[in-house]
């Protein structure tokens, strides 16, 4: 398998993991949790495991430079943590399907950011792939639910912060760090941010059933693994391709909804999946 193929596979695995989050979150909510506290547990519960994995590696330490620390605090707060917070908050106002649809505008912002701030010129293949992905994601939205502009704004803002996170990891040099160490510090910064926010908003809770705690731990470990694969993808195939390939996430959510949650699907859904798969094939084969 070529290096590029490994990068593509890493992003698809990451997107599949993230696409499974709504199912795990639903179980946590039914067990007494809420969106804000779950976001805190998502970032914090994995920290001991990441710490042990890093300590077991004789060639790696937790030491970072002051410059690296400043960059991690910056992107961990405004990119990594802010994205989760904004997206979870949007679920309070609009259906998760609408929020996900709006959030996945972010590949456009990634390409626009690279053009405006770094003078990069995307290939025709990338432009076509982005259009196909956007059309595909739009096919997943069924149009049900009341329109709430606060929810739309929050979901839209999450797409901008995630685009910033994707670009910043690539351009700041942080992608050169060990992925486990980078994930550890990102989760540490984001968990502190979410703890403060949950205390201020009085949404912090520990009153969950055992199944809720178990699923929160599983979600945290899964997301940590997904973040690692996402960073590997950025390192190998770049931020633009990574953002496009990440549209596998809503495909996973749709498939889980159909197979496990008994949600209905029609030709629109099948067509949307087909468009995204076509975009992925184009990136995989034709984009140089």
C-alpha atoms as a PDB file:
ATOM      1  CA  UNK A   1       0.000   0.000   0.000  1.00  0.00           C
ATOM      2  CA  UNK A   2       1.376   3.398  -0.985  1.00  0.00           C
ATOM      3  CA  UNK A   3       1.897   6.231   1.502  1.00  0.00           C
ATOM      4  CA  UNK A   4      -0.967   8.199  -0.067  1.00  0.00           C
ATOM      5  CA  UNK A   5      -3.307   5.196   0.191  1.00  0.00           C
ATOM      6  CA  UNK A   6      -2.424   4.851   3.883  1.00  0.00           C
ATOM      7  CA  UNK A   7      -3.276   8.522   4.404  1.00  0.00           C
ATOM      8  CA  UNK A   8      -6.622   8.133   2.634  1.00  0.00           C
ATOM      9  CA  UNK A   9      -7.427   5.012   4.655  1.00  0.00           C
ATOM     10  CA  UNK A  10      -6.519   6.810   7.900  1.00  0.00           C
ATOM     11  CA  UNK A  11      -8.967   9.641   7.140  1.00  0.00           C
ATOM     12  CA  UNK A  12     -11.757   7.206   6.209  1.00  0.00           C
ATOM     13  CA  UNK A  13     -11.232   5.261   9.459  1.00  0.00           C
ATOM     14  CA  UNK A  14     -11.295   8.556  11.380  1.00  0.00           C
ATOM     15  CA  UNK A  15     -14.523   9.644   9.665  1.00  0.00           C
ATOM     16  CA  UNK A  16     -16.125   6.247  10.341  1.00  0.00           C
ATOM     17  CA  UNK A  17     -15.310   6.551  14.053  1.00  0.00           C
ATOM     18  CA  UNK A  18     -16.702  10.080  14.263  1.00  0.00           C
ATOM     19  CA  UNK A  19     -19.795   8.996  12.334  1.00  0.00           C
ATOM     20  CA  UNK A  20     -20.527   6.467  15.083  1.00  0.00           C
ATOM     21  CA  UNK A  21     -20.636   9.164  17.788  1.00  0.00           C
ATOM     22  CA  UNK A  22     -24.378  10.005  17.523  1.00  0.00           C
ATOM     23  CA  UNK A  23     -25.288   6.412  18.436  1.00  0.00           C
ATOM     24  CA  UNK A  24     -22.910   6.369  21.422  1.00  0.00           C
ATOM     25  CA  UNK A  25     -24.063   9.835  22.507  1.00  0.00           C
ATOM     26  CA  UNK A  26     -27.707   8.751  22.374  1.00  0.00           C
ATOM     27  CA  UNK A  27     -26.976   5.902  24.820  1.00  0.00           C
ATOM     28  CA  UNK A  28     -25.178   8.323  27.170  1.00  0.00           C
ATOM     29  CA  UNK A  29     -28.102  10.772  27.069  1.00  0.00           C
ATOM     30  CA  UNK A  30     -30.574   7.991  27.828  1.00  0.00           C
ATOM     31  CA  UNK A  31     -28.392   7.010  30.803  1.00  0.00           C
ATOM     32  CA  UNK A  32     -28.548  10.458  32.416  1.00  0.00           C
ATOM     33  CA  UNK A  33     -25.829  12.403  30.597  1.00  0.00           C
ATOM     34  CA  UNK A  34     -26.073  15.593  28.559  1.00  0.00           C
ATOM     35  CA  UNK A  35     -24.246  17.110  25.598  1.00  0.00           C
ATOM     36  CA  UNK A  36     -21.945  19.437  27.551  1.00  0.00           C
ATOM     37  CA  UNK A  37     -20.820  16.933  30.170  1.00  0.00           C
ATOM     38  CA  UNK A  38     -20.359  14.261  27.490  1.00  0.00           C
ATOM     39  CA  UNK A  39     -18.053  16.602  25.573  1.00  0.00           C
ATOM     40  CA  UNK A  40     -15.968  17.020  28.738  1.00  0.00           C
ATOM     41  CA  UNK A  41     -15.818  13.245  29.275  1.00  0.00           C
ATOM     42  CA  UNK A  42     -14.981  12.763  25.602  1.00  0.00           C
ATOM     43  CA  UNK A  43     -11.810  14.817  26.049  1.00  0.00           C
ATOM     44  CA  UNK A  44     -10.847  13.846  29.610  1.00  0.00           C
ATOM     45  CA  UNK A  45     -11.413  10.091  29.996  1.00  0.00           C
ATOM     46  CA  UNK A  46      -8.861   9.217  27.335  1.00  0.00           C
ATOM     47  CA  UNK A  47      -6.047  11.231  28.952  1.00  0.00           C
ATOM     48  CA  UNK A  48      -4.725   8.443  31.258  1.00  0.00           C
ATOM     49  CA  UNK A  49      -4.623   5.981  28.348  1.00  0.00           C
ATOM     50  CA  UNK A  50      -2.767   8.421  26.100  1.00  0.00           C
ATOM     51  CA  UNK A  51      -0.345   9.183  28.927  1.00  0.00           C
ATOM     52  CA  UNK A  52       0.457   5.481  29.434  1.00  0.00           C
ATOM     53  CA  UNK A  53       0.910   4.918  25.690  1.00  0.00           C
ATOM     54  CA  UNK A  54       3.334   7.825  25.447  1.00  0.00           C
ATOM     55  CA  UNK A  55       5.289   6.738  28.539  1.00  0.00           C
ATOM     56  CA  UNK A  56       5.653   3.218  27.122  1.00  0.00           C
ATOM     57  CA  UNK A  57       7.402   4.641  24.069  1.00  0.00           C
ATOM     58  CA  UNK A  58      11.065   4.992  25.024  1.00  0.00           C
ATOM     59  CA  UNK A  59      11.659   7.297  22.065  1.00  0.00           C
ATOM     60  CA  UNK A  60       8.944   9.795  23.058  1.00  0.00           C
ATOM     61  CA  UNK A  61       8.333  12.097  26.024  1.00  0.00           C
ATOM     62  CA  UNK A  62       5.660  14.600  27.007  1.00  0.00           C
ATOM     63  CA  UNK A  63       8.132  17.472  26.791  1.00  0.00           C
ATOM     64  CA  UNK A  64       7.170  20.269  24.417  1.00  0.00           C
ATOM     65  CA  UNK A  65       8.631  23.675  23.692  1.00  0.00           C
ATOM     66  CA  UNK A  66       7.026  26.946  24.775  1.00  0.00           C
ATOM     67  CA  UNK A  67       6.229  27.676  21.135  1.00  0.00           C
ATOM     68  CA  UNK A  68       4.519  24.302  20.695  1.00  0.00           C
ATOM     69  CA  UNK A  69       2.555  24.840  23.916  1.00  0.00           C
ATOM     70  CA  UNK A  70       1.305  28.245  22.714  1.00  0.00           C
ATOM     71  CA  UNK A  71       0.217  26.758  19.380  1.00  0.00           C
ATOM     72  CA  UNK A  72      -1.557  23.832  21.051  1.00  0.00           C
ATOM     73  CA  UNK A  73      -3.426  26.115  23.481  1.00  0.00           C
ATOM     74  CA  UNK A  74      -4.424  28.338  20.550  1.00  0.00           C
ATOM     75  CA  UNK A  75      -5.743  25.583  18.262  1.00  0.00           C
ATOM     76  CA  UNK A  76      -6.994  23.431  21.141  1.00  0.00           C
ATOM     77  CA  UNK A  77      -9.226  26.249  22.371  1.00  0.00           C
ATOM     78  CA  UNK A  78     -10.339  28.014  19.194  1.00  0.00           C
ATOM     79  CA  UNK A  79     -10.322  24.968  16.921  1.00  0.00           C
ATOM     80  CA  UNK A  80     -10.523  21.566  18.592  1.00  0.00           C
ATOM     81  CA  UNK A  81     -12.540  22.440  21.698  1.00  0.00           C
ATOM     82  CA  UNK A  82     -14.654  25.189  20.143  1.00  0.00           C
ATOM     83  CA  UNK A  83     -15.811  22.917  17.325  1.00  0.00           C
ATOM     84  CA  UNK A  84     -17.172  20.276  19.701  1.00  0.00           C
ATOM     85  CA  UNK A  85     -18.805  22.901  21.920  1.00  0.00           C
ATOM     86  CA  UNK A  86     -20.494  24.775  19.064  1.00  0.00           C
ATOM     87  CA  UNK A  87     -21.732  21.608  17.349  1.00  0.00           C
ATOM     88  CA  UNK A  88     -23.134  20.072  20.535  1.00  0.00           C
ATOM     89  CA  UNK A  89     -24.818  23.373  21.442  1.00  0.00           C
ATOM     90  CA  UNK A  90     -26.463  23.519  18.006  1.00  0.00           C
ATOM     91  CA  UNK A  91     -28.215  20.202  18.782  1.00  0.00           C
ATOM     92  CA  UNK A  92     -30.277  22.095  21.388  1.00  0.00           C
ATOM     93  CA  UNK A  93     -31.877  24.230  18.688  1.00  0.00           C
ATOM     94  CA  UNK A  94     -31.965  22.251  15.428  1.00  0.00           C
ATOM     95  CA  UNK A  95     -32.115  18.545  14.480  1.00  0.00           C
ATOM     96  CA  UNK A  96     -28.730  16.799  14.492  1.00  0.00           C
ATOM     97  CA  UNK A  97     -29.172  15.935  10.801  1.00  0.00           C
ATOM     98  CA  UNK A  98     -29.450  19.630   9.935  1.00  0.00           C
ATOM     99  CA  UNK A  99     -26.512  20.517  12.190  1.00  0.00           C
ATOM    100  CA  UNK A 100     -24.334  17.831  10.592  1.00  0.00           C
ATOM    101  CA  UNK A 101     -25.300  19.007   7.120  1.00  0.00           C
ATOM    102  CA  UNK A 102     -24.312  22.589   7.919  1.00  0.00           C
ATOM    103  CA  UNK A 103     -21.117  21.512   9.708  1.00  0.00           C
ATOM    104  CA  UNK A 104     -19.912  19.649   6.629  1.00  0.00           C
ATOM    105  CA  UNK A 105     -19.634  22.858   4.677  1.00  0.00           C
ATOM    106  CA  UNK A 106     -16.180  23.004   6.277  1.00  0.00           C
ATOM    107  CA  UNK A 107     -14.258  21.496   3.292  1.00  0.00           C
ATOM    108  CA  UNK A 108     -15.199  24.662   1.383  1.00  0.00           C
ATOM    109  CA  UNK A 109     -13.726  26.815   4.158  1.00  0.00           C
ATOM    110  CA  UNK A 110     -10.567  24.703   4.200  1.00  0.00           C
ATOM    111  CA  UNK A 111      -9.991  25.293   0.496  1.00  0.00           C
ATOM    112  CA  UNK A 112     -10.975  28.979   0.755  1.00  0.00           C
ATOM    113  CA  UNK A 113      -8.615  29.422   3.710  1.00  0.00           C
ATOM    114  CA  UNK A 114      -5.741  27.830   1.799  1.00  0.00           C
ATOM    115  CA  UNK A 115      -6.440  30.098  -1.175  1.00  0.00           C
ATOM    116  CA  UNK A 116      -6.890  33.367   0.760  1.00  0.00           C
ATOM    117  CA  UNK A 117      -4.160  33.010   3.385  1.00  0.00           C
ATOM    118  CA  UNK A 118      -1.612  30.681   1.781  1.00  0.00           C
ATOM    119  CA  UNK A 119      -2.120  31.412  -1.947  1.00  0.00           C
ATOM    120  CA  UNK A 120      -2.699  27.743  -2.726  1.00  0.00           C
ATOM    121  CA  UNK A 121      -4.540  26.887  -5.925  1.00  0.00           C
ATOM    122  CA  UNK A 122      -6.818  23.846  -5.670  1.00  0.00           C
ATOM    123  CA  UNK A 123      -6.949  21.511  -8.642  1.00  0.00           C
ATOM    124  CA  UNK A 124     -10.079  21.128 -10.763  1.00  0.00           C
ATOM    125  CA  UNK A 125     -10.444  17.638  -9.277  1.00  0.00           C
ATOM    126  CA  UNK A 126     -10.604  19.051  -5.737  1.00  0.00           C
ATOM    127  CA  UNK A 127     -13.158  21.699  -6.689  1.00  0.00           C
ATOM    128  CA  UNK A 128     -15.384  19.101  -8.362  1.00  0.00           C
ATOM    129  CA  UNK A 129     -14.948  16.747  -5.393  1.00  0.00           C
ATOM    130  CA  UNK A 130     -15.997  19.470  -2.912  1.00  0.00           C
ATOM    131  CA  UNK A 131     -19.117  20.232  -4.965  1.00  0.00           C
ATOM    132  CA  UNK A 132     -20.000  16.523  -5.106  1.00  0.00           C
ATOM    133  CA  UNK A 133     -19.495  16.170  -1.334  1.00  0.00           C
ATOM    134  CA  UNK A 134     -21.661  19.182  -0.542  1.00  0.00           C
ATOM    135  CA  UNK A 135     -24.447  17.904  -2.796  1.00  0.00           C
ATOM    136  CA  UNK A 136     -24.099  14.449  -1.263  1.00  0.00           C
ATOM    137  CA  UNK A 137     -24.342  15.725   2.331  1.00  0.00           C
ATOM    138  CA  UNK A 138     -27.353  17.873   1.412  1.00  0.00           C
ATOM    139  CA  UNK A 139     -29.100  14.695   0.224  1.00  0.00           C
ATOM    140  CA  UNK A 140     -28.984  13.369   3.808  1.00  0.00           C
ATOM    141  CA  UNK A 141     -31.112  16.203   5.177  1.00  0.00           C
ATOM    142  CA  UNK A 142     -34.822  15.366   5.033  1.00  0.00           C
ATOM    143  CA  UNK A 143     -36.109  18.905   5.626  1.00  0.00           C
ATOM    144  CA  UNK A 144     -37.985  18.097   8.837  1.00  0.00           C
ATOM    145  CA  UNK A 145     -37.689  20.264  11.929  1.00  0.00           C
ATOM    146  CA  UNK A 146     -38.193  23.928  12.710  1.00  0.00           C
ATOM    147  CA  UNK A 147     -35.727  26.483  11.460  1.00  0.00           C
ATOM    148  CA  UNK A 148     -33.877  28.119  14.334  1.00  0.00           C
ATOM    149  CA  UNK A 149     -31.297  30.716  13.389  1.00  0.00           C
ATOM    150  CA  UNK A 150     -29.356  30.337  16.652  1.00  0.00           C
ATOM    151  CA  UNK A 151     -28.843  26.642  15.909  1.00  0.00           C
ATOM    152  CA  UNK A 152     -27.923  27.358  12.288  1.00  0.00           C
ATOM    153  CA  UNK A 153     -25.398  29.982  13.405  1.00  0.00           C
ATOM    154  CA  UNK A 154     -23.794  27.596  15.935  1.00  0.00           C
ATOM    155  CA  UNK A 155     -23.498  24.753  13.410  1.00  0.00           C
ATOM    156  CA  UNK A 156     -22.152  27.149  10.777  1.00  0.00           C
ATOM    157  CA  UNK A 157     -19.606  28.498  13.255  1.00  0.00           C
ATOM    158  CA  UNK A 158     -18.507  24.919  14.044  1.00  0.00           C
ATOM    159  CA  UNK A 159     -17.676  24.393  10.370  1.00  0.00           C
ATOM    160  CA  UNK A 160     -15.450  27.490  10.415  1.00  0.00           C
ATOM    161  CA  UNK A 161     -13.626  26.511  13.627  1.00  0.00           C
ATOM    162  CA  UNK A 162     -13.059  22.973  12.337  1.00  0.00           C
ATOM    163  CA  UNK A 163     -11.695  24.315   9.058  1.00  0.00           C
ATOM    164  CA  UNK A 164      -9.343  26.507  11.099  1.00  0.00           C
ATOM    165  CA  UNK A 165      -8.270  23.446  13.138  1.00  0.00           C
ATOM    166  CA  UNK A 166      -7.609  21.428   9.979  1.00  0.00           C
ATOM    167  CA  UNK A 167      -5.541  24.148   8.302  1.00  0.00           C
ATOM    168  CA  UNK A 168      -3.666  25.202  11.455  1.00  0.00           C
ATOM    169  CA  UNK A 169      -2.447  21.676  12.200  1.00  0.00           C
ATOM    170  CA  UNK A 170      -0.919  21.550   8.738  1.00  0.00           C
ATOM    171  CA  UNK A 171       0.523  25.056   8.490  1.00  0.00           C
ATOM    172  CA  UNK A 172       1.736  25.580  12.071  1.00  0.00           C
ATOM    173  CA  UNK A 173       4.118  22.639  12.029  1.00  0.00           C
ATOM    174  CA  UNK A 174       2.187  20.773  14.742  1.00  0.00           C
ATOM    175  CA  UNK A 175       1.571  17.915  12.311  1.00  0.00           C
ATOM    176  CA  UNK A 176       5.256  17.025  12.723  1.00  0.00           C
ATOM    177  CA  UNK A 177       4.690  16.169  16.393  1.00  0.00           C
ATOM    178  CA  UNK A 178       4.017  12.628  17.526  1.00  0.00           C
ATOM    179  CA  UNK A 179       0.271  12.147  16.966  1.00  0.00           C
ATOM    180  CA  UNK A 180      -0.305  10.559  20.383  1.00  0.00           C
ATOM    181  CA  UNK A 181       1.423  13.446  22.168  1.00  0.00           C
ATOM    182  CA  UNK A 182      -0.422  16.053  20.136  1.00  0.00           C
ATOM    183  CA  UNK A 183      -3.753  14.335  20.808  1.00  0.00           C
ATOM    184  CA  UNK A 184      -2.940  14.210  24.543  1.00  0.00           C
ATOM    185  CA  UNK A 185      -2.356  17.955  24.765  1.00  0.00           C
ATOM    186  CA  UNK A 186      -5.319  18.837  22.545  1.00  0.00           C
ATOM    187  CA  UNK A 187      -7.615  16.718  24.725  1.00  0.00           C
ATOM    188  CA  UNK A 188      -6.109  18.233  27.883  1.00  0.00           C
ATOM    189  CA  UNK A 189      -6.712  21.809  26.734  1.00  0.00           C
ATOM    190  CA  UNK A 190     -10.210  21.027  25.413  1.00  0.00           C
ATOM    191  CA  UNK A 191     -11.211  19.156  28.595  1.00  0.00           C
ATOM    192  CA  UNK A 192     -10.191  22.122  30.790  1.00  0.00           C
ATOM    193  CA  UNK A 193     -12.163  24.425  28.494  1.00  0.00           C
ATOM    194  CA  UNK A 194     -15.262  22.195  28.640  1.00  0.00           C
ATOM    195  CA  UNK A 195     -15.055  21.739  32.429  1.00  0.00           C
ATOM    196  CA  UNK A 196     -15.045  25.500  32.965  1.00  0.00           C
ATOM    197  CA  UNK A 197     -17.938  25.959  30.525  1.00  0.00           C
ATOM    198  CA  UNK A 198     -20.010  23.142  32.097  1.00  0.00           C
ATOM    199  CA  UNK A 199     -19.528  24.596  35.590  1.00  0.00           C
ATOM    200  CA  UNK A 200     -20.483  28.110  34.455  1.00  0.00           C
ATOM    201  CA  UNK A 201     -23.605  26.814  32.678  1.00  0.00           C
ATOM    202  CA  UNK A 202     -24.386  24.351  35.506  1.00  0.00           C
ATOM    203  CA  UNK A 203     -24.622  21.452  33.063  1.00  0.00           C
ATOM    204  CA  UNK A 204     -21.916  19.283  34.607  1.00  0.00           C
ATOM    205  CA  UNK A 205     -23.265  15.934  35.785  1.00  0.00           C
ATOM    206  CA  UNK A 206     -21.912  12.687  37.183  1.00  0.00           C
ATOM    207  CA  UNK A 207     -25.334  11.105  37.768  1.00  0.00           C
ATOM    208  CA  UNK A 208     -25.228   8.542  34.996  1.00  0.00           C
ATOM    209  CA  UNK A 209     -26.082   4.852  34.918  1.00  0.00           C
ATOM    210  CA  UNK A 210     -23.180   2.374  34.608  1.00  0.00           C
ATOM    211  CA  UNK A 211     -23.997   1.872  30.928  1.00  0.00           C
ATOM    212  CA  UNK A 212     -23.703   5.615  30.390  1.00  0.00           C
ATOM    213  CA  UNK A 213     -20.246   5.724  31.992  1.00  0.00           C
ATOM    214  CA  UNK A 214     -19.131   2.711  29.980  1.00  0.00           C
ATOM    215  CA  UNK A 215     -20.336   4.251  26.727  1.00  0.00           C
ATOM    216  CA  UNK A 216     -18.775   7.631  27.607  1.00  0.00           C
ATOM    217  CA  UNK A 217     -15.436   5.884  28.141  1.00  0.00           C
ATOM    218  CA  UNK A 218     -15.793   3.938  24.883  1.00  0.00           C
ATOM    219  CA  UNK A 219     -16.695   7.134  23.019  1.00  0.00           C
ATOM    220  CA  UNK A 220     -13.681   8.933  24.476  1.00  0.00           C
ATOM    221  CA  UNK A 221     -11.277   6.160  23.485  1.00  0.00           C
ATOM    222  CA  UNK A 222     -12.826   5.881  20.022  1.00  0.00           C
ATOM    223  CA  UNK A 223     -12.683   9.621  19.377  1.00  0.00           C
ATOM    224  CA  UNK A 224      -9.070   9.740  20.570  1.00  0.00           C
ATOM    225  CA  UNK A 225      -8.231   7.053  18.043  1.00  0.00           C
ATOM    226  CA  UNK A 226     -10.171   8.942  15.383  1.00  0.00           C
ATOM    227  CA  UNK A 227      -8.272  12.170  16.102  1.00  0.00           C
ATOM    228  CA  UNK A 228      -4.975  10.309  15.704  1.00  0.00           C
ATOM    229  CA  UNK A 229      -6.010   8.959  12.315  1.00  0.00           C
ATOM    230  CA  UNK A 230      -7.236  12.430  11.300  1.00  0.00           C
ATOM    231  CA  UNK A 231      -3.844  13.934  12.130  1.00  0.00           C
ATOM    232  CA  UNK A 232      -2.089  11.163  10.189  1.00  0.00           C
ATOM    233  CA  UNK A 233      -4.306  11.993   7.212  1.00  0.00           C
ATOM    234  CA  UNK A 234      -3.390  15.697   7.370  1.00  0.00           C
ATOM    235  CA  UNK A 235       0.279  14.768   7.586  1.00  0.00           C
ATOM    236  CA  UNK A 236       0.133  12.530   4.488  1.00  0.00           C
ATOM    237  CA  UNK A 237      -2.542  13.892   2.124  1.00  0.00           C
ATOM    238  CA  UNK A 238      -2.855  17.497   3.345  1.00  0.00           C
ATOM    239  CA  UNK A 239      -5.732  19.522   4.843  1.00  0.00           C
ATOM    240  CA  UNK A 240      -7.767  19.920   1.660  1.00  0.00           C
ATOM    241  CA  UNK A 241      -7.943  16.231   0.781  1.00  0.00           C
ATOM    242  CA  UNK A 242      -8.473  15.302   4.427  1.00  0.00           C
ATOM    243  CA  UNK A 243     -11.485  17.618   4.718  1.00  0.00           C
ATOM    244  CA  UNK A 244     -13.027  16.161   1.552  1.00  0.00           C
ATOM    245  CA  UNK A 245     -12.434  12.545   2.573  1.00  0.00           C
ATOM    246  CA  UNK A 246     -13.946  13.248   6.010  1.00  0.00           C
ATOM    247  CA  UNK A 247     -17.392  13.377   4.438  1.00  0.00           C
ATOM    248  CA  UNK A 248     -17.398   9.633   5.064  1.00  0.00           C
ATOM    249  CA  UNK A 249     -18.595  10.662   8.548  1.00  0.00           C
ATOM    250  CA  UNK A 250     -22.217  11.452   7.565  1.00  0.00           C
ATOM    251  CA  UNK A 251     -22.272   8.260   5.454  1.00  0.00           C
ATOM    252  CA  UNK A 252     -21.443   6.277   8.586  1.00  0.00           C
ATOM    253  CA  UNK A 253     -24.142   8.100  10.558  1.00  0.00           C
ATOM    254  CA  UNK A 254     -26.722   7.343   7.881  1.00  0.00           C
ATOM    255  CA  UNK A 255     -25.764   3.648   7.679  1.00  0.00           C
ATOM    256  CA  UNK A 256     -25.888   3.273  11.487  1.00  0.00           C
ATOM    257  CA  UNK A 257     -29.252   5.019  11.530  1.00  0.00           C
ATOM    258  CA  UNK A 258     -30.606   2.593   8.937  1.00  0.00           C
ATOM    259  CA  UNK A 259     -29.127  -0.639  10.329  1.00  0.00           C
ATOM    260  CA  UNK A 260     -29.355  -0.021  14.100  1.00  0.00           C
ATOM    261  CA  UNK A 261     -31.865   2.779  14.703  1.00  0.00           C
ATOM    262  CA  UNK A 262     -34.308   1.567  12.024  1.00  0.00           C
ATOM    263  CA  UNK A 263     -34.391   4.955  10.324  1.00  0.00           C
ATOM    264  CA  UNK A 264     -35.943   5.118   6.891  1.00  0.00           C
ATOM    265  CA  UNK A 265     -33.970   5.884   3.751  1.00  0.00           C
ATOM    266  CA  UNK A 266     -34.794   6.530   0.145  1.00  0.00           C
ATOM    267  CA  UNK A 267     -33.286   7.310  -3.224  1.00  0.00           C
ATOM    268  CA  UNK A 268     -31.994  10.682  -1.962  1.00  0.00           C
ATOM    269  CA  UNK A 269     -29.872   8.956   0.665  1.00  0.00           C
ATOM    270  CA  UNK A 270     -28.505   6.412  -1.808  1.00  0.00           C
ATOM    271  CA  UNK A 271     -27.768   9.187  -4.285  1.00  0.00           C
ATOM    272  CA  UNK A 272     -25.996  11.235  -1.594  1.00  0.00           C
ATOM    273  CA  UNK A 273     -23.777   8.289  -0.621  1.00  0.00           C
ATOM    274  CA  UNK A 274     -22.993   7.718  -4.301  1.00  0.00           C
ATOM    275  CA  UNK A 275     -21.916  11.345  -4.800  1.00  0.00           C
ATOM    276  CA  UNK A 276     -19.563  11.266  -1.798  1.00  0.00           C
ATOM    277  CA  UNK A 277     -18.061   7.933  -2.849  1.00  0.00           C
ATOM    278  CA  UNK A 278     -17.490   9.353  -6.331  1.00  0.00           C
ATOM    279  CA  UNK A 279     -15.678  12.348  -4.820  1.00  0.00           C
ATOM    280  CA  UNK A 280     -13.479  10.036  -2.730  1.00  0.00           C
ATOM    281  CA  UNK A 281     -12.619   7.932  -5.782  1.00  0.00           C
ATOM    282  CA  UNK A 282     -11.691  11.084  -7.701  1.00  0.00           C
ATOM    283  CA  UNK A 283      -9.363  12.246  -4.902  1.00  0.00           C
ATOM    284  CA  UNK A 284      -7.880   8.764  -4.508  1.00  0.00           C
ATOM    285  CA  UNK A 285      -7.138   8.150  -8.176  1.00  0.00           C
ATOM    286  CA  UNK A 286      -6.927  11.392 -10.119  1.00  0.00           C
ATOM    287  CA  UNK A 287      -5.747  14.152  -7.764  1.00  0.00           C
ATOM    288  CA  UNK A 288      -1.933  14.543  -7.804  1.00  0.00           C
END
